[in-house]
C-alpha atoms as a PDB file:
ATOM      1  CA  THR A   1       0.051   0.119  -0.272  1.00  0.00           C
ATOM      2  CA  GLY A   2       2.998   2.364   0.056  1.00  0.00           C
ATOM      3  CA  LEU A   3       1.848   2.911   3.884  1.00  0.00           C
ATOM      4  CA  ALA A   4       4.583   1.493   5.922  1.00  0.00           C
ATOM      5  CA  ALA A   5       6.343   4.934   6.879  1.00  0.00           C
ATOM      6  CA  THR A   6       3.126   6.339   7.854  1.00  0.00           C
ATOM      7  CA  PHE A   7       2.106   3.111   9.970  1.00  0.00           C
ATOM      8  CA  ALA A   8       5.307   2.856  11.946  1.00  0.00           C
ATOM      9  CA  GLU A   9       5.091   6.101  12.689  1.00  0.00           C
ATOM     10  CA  LEU A  10       1.599   6.073  13.966  1.00  0.00           C
ATOM     11  CA  GLY A  11       2.336   3.041  15.772  1.00  0.00           C
ATOM     12  CA  ARG A  12       5.124   5.086  17.606  1.00  0.00           C
ATOM     13  CA  LEU A  13       3.000   8.332  18.287  1.00  0.00           C
ATOM     14  CA  LEU A  14       0.122   5.815  19.542  1.00  0.00           C
ATOM     15  CA  GLY A  15       2.712   3.532  21.479  1.00  0.00           C
ATOM     16  CA  ALA A  16       1.125   1.055  19.222  1.00  0.00           C
ATOM     17  CA  ASP A  17       2.770  -2.044  18.036  1.00  0.00           C
ATOM     18  CA  PHE A  18       0.484  -2.855  14.827  1.00  0.00           C
ATOM     19  CA  ALA A  19       2.351  -6.440  14.574  1.00  0.00           C
ATOM     20  CA  GLU A  20      -0.198  -6.974  17.699  1.00  0.00           C
ATOM     21  CA  ASP A  21      -3.738  -7.855  17.165  1.00  0.00           C
ATOM     22  CA  GLY A  22      -5.144  -5.977  20.020  1.00  0.00           C
ATOM     23  CA  ASP A  23      -3.769  -2.848  19.147  1.00  0.00           C
ATOM     24  CA  ARG A  24      -4.544  -2.908  15.494  1.00  0.00           C
ATOM     25  CA  TYR A  25      -8.062  -3.437  16.908  1.00  0.00           C
ATOM     26  CA  ALA A  26      -7.860  -0.812  19.071  1.00  0.00           C
ATOM     27  CA  HIS A  27      -7.036   1.380  16.170  1.00  0.00           C
ATOM     28  CA  ARG A  28      -8.866  -0.066  13.349  1.00  0.00           C
ATOM     29  CA  GLU A  29     -10.833   3.141  12.930  1.00  0.00           C
ATOM     30  CA  VAL A  30      -7.391   5.192  12.061  1.00  0.00           C
ATOM     31  CA  ILE A  31      -5.833   2.204  10.311  1.00  0.00           C
ATOM     32  CA  ALA A  32      -9.473   2.243   7.869  1.00  0.00           C
ATOM     33  CA  SER A  33      -9.256   5.908   7.533  1.00  0.00           C
ATOM     34  CA  LEU A  34      -5.410   5.487   6.271  1.00  0.00           C
ATOM     35  CA  LEU A  35      -6.261   2.640   4.222  1.00  0.00           C
ATOM     36  CA  ALA A  36      -9.797   3.911   2.188  1.00  0.00           C
ATOM     37  CA  PRO A  37      -8.306   6.155  -0.069  1.00  0.00           C
ATOM     38  CA  TRP A  38      -6.189   3.059  -1.232  1.00  0.00           C
ATOM     39  CA  PHE A  39      -8.635   0.763  -1.854  1.00  0.00           C
ATOM     40  CA  ALA A  40     -11.237   3.262  -3.309  1.00  0.00           C
ATOM     41  CA  GLY A  41      -8.646   4.224  -5.714  1.00  0.00           C
ATOM     42  CA  ARG A  42      -8.095   0.672  -7.079  1.00  0.00           C
ATOM     43  CA  SER A  43     -10.287  -2.149  -8.599  1.00  0.00           C
ATOM     44  CA  VAL A  44     -10.652  -5.411  -7.421  1.00  0.00           C
ATOM     45  CA  ALA A  45      -8.076  -6.959 -10.258  1.00  0.00           C
ATOM     46  CA  GLN A  46      -5.353  -4.504  -8.613  1.00  0.00           C
ATOM     47  CA  ILE A  47      -6.509  -4.989  -5.107  1.00  0.00           C
ATOM     48  CA  ALA A  48      -5.978  -8.694  -5.960  1.00  0.00           C
ATOM     49  CA  ARG A  49      -2.643  -8.180  -7.958  1.00  0.00           C
ATOM     50  CA  ASP A  50      -1.127  -6.067  -5.119  1.00  0.00           C
ATOM     51  CA  LEU A  51      -2.276  -8.149  -2.199  1.00  0.00           C
ATOM     52  CA  ASP A  52      -2.176 -11.879  -3.129  1.00  0.00           C
ATOM     53  CA  GLY A  53       1.269 -13.237  -2.023  1.00  0.00           C
ATOM     54  CA  THR A  54       1.440 -10.807   0.889  1.00  0.00           C
ATOM     55  CA  SER A  55       0.219 -11.831   4.508  1.00  0.00           C
ATOM     56  CA  VAL A  56      -2.864  -9.821   4.262  1.00  0.00           C
ATOM     57  CA  LEU A  57      -5.622 -11.560   5.180  1.00  0.00           C
ATOM     58  CA  TRP A  58      -8.526 -10.610   2.439  1.00  0.00           C
ATOM     59  CA  SER A  59     -11.209 -11.480  -0.058  1.00  0.00           C
ATOM     60  CA  ARG A  60     -13.495 -10.430  -2.281  1.00  0.00           C
ATOM     61  CA  TYR A  61     -17.257  -9.809  -0.018  1.00  0.00           C
ATOM     62  CA  GLY A  62     -19.865 -11.996  -1.743  1.00  0.00           C
ATOM     63  CA  THR A  63     -23.421 -12.610  -1.873  1.00  0.00           C
ATOM     64  CA  PHE A  64     -24.314 -16.830  -0.273  1.00  0.00           C
ATOM     65  CA  ALA A  65     -25.911 -17.165  -3.789  1.00  0.00           C
ATOM     66  CA  GLU A  66     -22.160 -16.117  -5.276  1.00  0.00           C
ATOM     67  CA  LEU A  67     -20.574 -18.523  -2.822  1.00  0.00           C
ATOM     68  CA  VAL A  68     -22.884 -21.561  -3.772  1.00  0.00           C
ATOM     69  CA  THR A  69     -23.051 -21.226  -7.166  1.00  0.00           C
ATOM     70  CA  GLY A  70     -19.524 -19.851  -7.911  1.00  0.00           C
ATOM     71  CA  GLY A  71     -17.771 -23.922  -7.302  1.00  0.00           C
ATOM     72  CA  GLY A  72     -16.112 -22.738  -4.449  1.00  0.00           C
ATOM     73  CA  LEU A  73     -17.415 -24.761  -2.341  1.00  0.00           C
ATOM     74  CA  ALA A  74     -16.884 -27.642  -4.384  1.00  0.00           C
ATOM     75  CA  GLY A  75     -14.376 -30.112  -2.807  1.00  0.00           C
ATOM     76  CA  ASN A  76     -14.757 -28.528   0.419  1.00  0.00           C
ATOM     77  CA  SER A  77     -14.100 -31.272   3.388  1.00  0.00           C
ATOM     78  CA  LEU A  78     -16.053 -29.297   5.978  1.00  0.00           C
ATOM     79  CA  LEU A  79     -19.375 -29.852   3.774  1.00  0.00           C
ATOM     80  CA  SER A  80     -21.260 -32.602   2.678  1.00  0.00           C
ATOM     81  CA  GLU A  81     -25.131 -32.756   1.985  1.00  0.00           C
ATOM     82  CA  ILE A  82     -27.457 -34.400   4.539  1.00  0.00           C
ATOM     83  CA  ASP A  83     -30.729 -35.443   3.944  1.00  0.00           C
ATOM     84  CA  GLN A  84     -32.821 -32.725   7.101  1.00  0.00           C
ATOM     85  CA  PRO A  85     -36.279 -34.413   7.898  1.00  0.00           C
ATOM     86  CA  GLY A  86     -38.761 -31.548   7.261  1.00  0.00           C
ATOM     87  CA  VAL A  87     -36.524 -29.954   5.310  1.00  0.00           C
ATOM     88  CA  GLY A  88     -34.988 -32.137   2.395  1.00  0.00           C
ATOM     89  CA  ARG A  89     -31.413 -32.003   0.850  1.00  0.00           C
ATOM     90  CA  ILE A  90     -29.373 -29.548   2.572  1.00  0.00           C
ATOM     91  CA  LEU A  91     -25.581 -28.709   2.340  1.00  0.00           C
ATOM     92  CA  ALA A  92     -23.929 -28.418   5.982  1.00  0.00           C
ATOM     93  CA  ALA A  93     -20.778 -27.793   7.613  1.00  0.00           C
ATOM     94  CA  ALA A  94     -19.100 -30.839  10.050  1.00  0.00           C
ATOM     95  CA  SER A  95     -16.622 -29.684  12.925  1.00  0.00           C
ATOM     96  CA  PRO A  96     -13.687 -27.975  11.754  1.00  0.00           C
ATOM     97  CA  LEU A  97     -11.940 -29.793  14.624  1.00  0.00           C
ATOM     98  CA  GLU A  98     -10.122 -33.005  13.463  1.00  0.00           C
ATOM     99  CA  GLN A  99      -9.497 -35.616  16.126  1.00  0.00           C
ATOM    100  CA  ASP A 100      -8.907 -39.409  14.732  1.00  0.00           C
ATOM    101  CA  GLY A 101     -10.562 -37.939  11.961  1.00  0.00           C
ATOM    102  CA  ARG A 102     -13.608 -35.624  10.830  1.00  0.00           C
ATOM    103  CA  ILE A 103     -17.177 -35.877  12.189  1.00  0.00           C
ATOM    104  CA  GLY A 104     -19.502 -35.338   9.572  1.00  0.00           C
ATOM    105  CA  PRO A 105     -22.706 -33.207   9.677  1.00  0.00           C
ATOM    106  CA  SER A 106     -25.867 -34.984  11.076  1.00  0.00           C
ATOM    107  CA  PRO A 107     -29.340 -33.430  10.846  1.00  0.00           C
ATOM    108  CA  ALA A 108     -31.007 -31.603  13.885  1.00  0.00           C
ATOM    109  CA  SER A 109     -33.540 -33.138  16.093  1.00  0.00           C
ATOM    110  CA  ARG A 110     -36.755 -32.811  14.889  1.00  0.00           C
ATOM    111  CA  LEU A 111     -38.285 -29.930  16.603  1.00  0.00           C
ATOM    112  CA  GLY A 112     -39.495 -30.807  19.698  1.00  0.00           C
ATOM    113  CA  ALA A 113     -37.941 -33.895  19.969  1.00  0.00           C
ATOM    114  CA  ASP A 114     -35.625 -33.295  23.091  1.00  0.00           C
ATOM    115  CA  THR A 115     -38.663 -31.380  24.656  1.00  0.00           C
ATOM    116  CA  PRO A 116     -39.507 -34.692  27.352  1.00  0.00           C
ATOM    117  CA  GLY A 117     -35.426 -34.943  28.039  1.00  0.00           C
ATOM    118  CA  VAL A 118     -34.846 -31.207  28.799  1.00  0.00           C
ATOM    119  CA  LEU A 119     -37.989 -31.127  30.964  1.00  0.00           C
ATOM    120  CA  ALA A 120     -37.625 -34.051  32.870  1.00  0.00           C
ATOM    121  CA  GLY A 121     -33.701 -33.834  33.267  1.00  0.00           C
ATOM    122  CA  LEU A 122     -33.342 -30.339  33.702  1.00  0.00           C
ATOM    123  CA  LEU A 123     -36.519 -29.447  35.358  1.00  0.00           C
ATOM    124  CA  GLY A 124     -37.554 -32.713  37.249  1.00  0.00           C
ATOM    125  CA  LEU A 125     -40.610 -32.985  35.922  1.00  0.00           C
ATOM    126  CA  SER A 126     -42.364 -36.685  35.933  1.00  0.00           C
ATOM    127  CA  ALA A 127     -43.454 -38.519  32.460  1.00  0.00           C
ATOM    128  CA  GLU A 128     -46.735 -37.876  33.854  1.00  0.00           C
ATOM    129  CA  ASP A 129     -46.252 -34.347  33.911  1.00  0.00           C
ATOM    130  CA  ILE A 130     -44.670 -34.145  30.584  1.00  0.00           C
ATOM    131  CA  ARG A 131     -47.689 -36.128  29.295  1.00  0.00           C
ATOM    132  CA  THR A 132     -50.213 -33.526  30.706  1.00  0.00           C
ATOM    133  CA  LEU A 133     -48.307 -30.743  29.431  1.00  0.00           C
ATOM    134  CA  ALA A 134     -48.245 -31.653  25.576  1.00  0.00           C
ATOM    135  CA  GLN A 135     -52.012 -32.907  25.793  1.00  0.00           C
ATOM    136  CA  ARG A 136     -53.087 -29.223  26.401  1.00  0.00           C
ATOM    137  CA  GLY A 137     -50.975 -28.040  23.950  1.00  0.00           C
ATOM    138  CA  VAL A 138     -48.139 -26.096  25.962  1.00  0.00           C
ATOM    139  CA  ILE A 139     -45.483 -28.073  24.340  1.00  0.00           C
ATOM    140  CA  GLY A 140     -45.257 -29.703  20.838  1.00  0.00           C
ATOM    141  CA  GLY A 141     -43.357 -32.748  19.506  1.00  0.00           C
ATOM    142  CA  PRO A 142     -43.005 -35.887  20.029  1.00  0.00           C
ATOM    143  CA  LEU A 143     -45.628 -36.339  22.661  1.00  0.00           C
ATOM    144  CA  ALA A 144     -48.734 -33.620  21.009  1.00  0.00           C
ATOM    145  CA  GLY A 145     -49.778 -35.648  18.265  1.00  0.00           C
ATOM    146  CA  ASP A 146     -49.980 -39.228  20.227  1.00  0.00           C
ATOM    147  CA  THR A 147     -53.105 -40.509  20.713  1.00  0.00           C
ATOM    148  CA  ALA A 148     -52.179 -44.467  20.344  1.00  0.00           C
ATOM    149  CA  PRO A 149     -51.891 -46.079  23.485  1.00  0.00           C
ATOM    150  CA  ASP A 150     -48.833 -48.064  24.563  1.00  0.00           C
ATOM    151  CA  ALA A 151     -47.835 -50.426  27.013  1.00  0.00           C
ATOM    152  CA  GLY A 152     -46.759 -47.236  29.426  1.00  0.00           C
ATOM    153  CA  GLY A 153     -50.222 -45.428  29.022  1.00  0.00           C
ATOM    154  CA  ALA A 154     -51.852 -43.618  26.903  1.00  0.00           C
ATOM    155  CA  GLY A 155     -50.025 -41.691  25.332  1.00  0.00           C
ATOM    156  CA  GLY A 156     -47.864 -43.369  22.700  1.00  0.00           C
ATOM    157  CA  ALA A 157     -44.119 -44.135  21.554  1.00  0.00           C
ATOM    158  CA  GLY A 158     -43.042 -40.464  22.843  1.00  0.00           C
ATOM    159  CA  ASP A 159     -44.192 -41.176  26.704  1.00  0.00           C
ATOM    160  CA  ALA A 160     -41.316 -44.205  26.279  1.00  0.00           C
ATOM    161  CA  ASP A 161     -39.030 -41.512  25.747  1.00  0.00           C
ATOM    162  CA  ALA A 162     -40.512 -39.163  28.595  1.00  0.00           C
ATOM    163  CA  ALA A 163     -40.317 -41.960  31.089  1.00  0.00           C
ATOM    164  CA  ARG A 164     -36.714 -42.903  30.154  1.00  0.00           C
ATOM    165  CA  ALA A 165     -36.081 -39.305  30.085  1.00  0.00           C
ATOM    166  CA  ALA A 166     -37.698 -38.834  33.642  1.00  0.00           C
ATOM    167  CA  GLY A 167     -35.875 -41.694  35.186  1.00  0.00           C
ATOM    168  CA  GLY A 168     -38.551 -44.410  35.197  1.00  0.00           C
ATOM    169  CA  THR A 169     -38.993 -47.081  32.452  1.00  0.00           C
ATOM    170  CA  PRO A 170     -41.745 -46.642  29.779  1.00  0.00           C
END
């Protein structure tokens, strides 16, 4: 950018070390005001030419549509398609952490699927309390639409989950 001497003097005057993230962050507005004319006077192609191969972390902003259709995601090991119940095929991200391999993405739980476990485990509600909330329409999820009786009572398969979550047996 041709501003090395300017930034060196600015750092001296401010008592800042611009090699440090914290100092750059603390003085980001003055840094941005010094760099703005440099960026404004160049095309994206010129900026790319001047910054590529340097230690400057930069990229052109784009829309999500451009990201998906531009081919930049193809072959990315963090992304793969999954079948999300109720939604269909979606592109989902895996964990960026690699310990004995990467854990791939998985579908999210159905809306309300964890409600009985949360109510039982965190709030101490019994399976009967949870069933009553579902029958009254206070909560949705697995118990809300269950009407077929099972061995555990009047609620259906969701009652078994609620009973297990409450520490009982279905």
